[in-house]
């Protein structure tokens, strides 16, 4: 068995790594925002895109964000890698980030909603939303709303939402959206990732017909794969399992490939409302294809955030 594993190891790793983004597209003169890009797949996405154009790293922890930006600037030679504060668990912070960005930057071509929390104990955001739904869905929903006009002005542009295979286990519990009646940290994560898929689907539907050409502004979602990162830090068991089975998990660089692919691949110029994994289209759960639930979630999200988004 040890000899077999030694021989098979490279092939196993190649399989685990999954698809790679082969696009060499440049992003000169273009601006990218990546949320949660101080660590994990967000940081690796930023590292790759910084070799192509200007990247703004938007994170809650400004010290970690600046450290990541400094590291990427040194490695890529791109001075236009900028760290900005954004706390997705606080709508005031989201609005302040958007206001500062719109005042300081005149361009925005790619928005990658990457940040996320996973398996955290029950808690609420500054606005009283269940933490995983609040950060993973509602925070990015509001951020996208606030930046949408700038994306439209700079079209062709892309919105990329990092979801998960976990969306298959989710459902939108409108009767208990914030888990006040019952809460399971694993299921709450699944629910929030399903919300990402439904948001992407409804956003793409609403954007269709708004432009002369289909490729003007697209929105797609993705599953990055099972990645060895600190996303599971809130679960001792998952952290332990991740360490034991790290050989069978993607590295953050491998996990970032589909995010990069959705952001730059030329063949996706006119593709919208889709879900990808390993740099190719992937199966969406029946709940993730429910247009009525997507429309209702959109309406409820607007109501919770106090916005009108028609």
Foldseek 3Di string as FASTA:
>chain_A
DVVVCVVCLVVLLVVLLFAFQPDPAAQDPAEEEFEPCLWFLNLLLLLVNLLRYAYEYEYQDQVSQVVSQVVSCVVNVRPRYHYDYADLLDVVRLVVRLVVCVVPDQAHAEYEHDDFAALADFDHGPLRATRRLSRLPLSVLSNCVSCVVRNLVRWVHEYEREAAPLLQLEDQPPVQNRQPPHDDRHRNNNNNSLLSLLLQQVVLVVCPPVDPALLGYAYEYEHLFFELTCSCVNDPVVPVVCVVVVSSHHYSNSSNRLVNLRGGPPVCSNPHSFYYYSSHGDDDHPNSVDNVVSVVSSVVSCVSVVHDDD
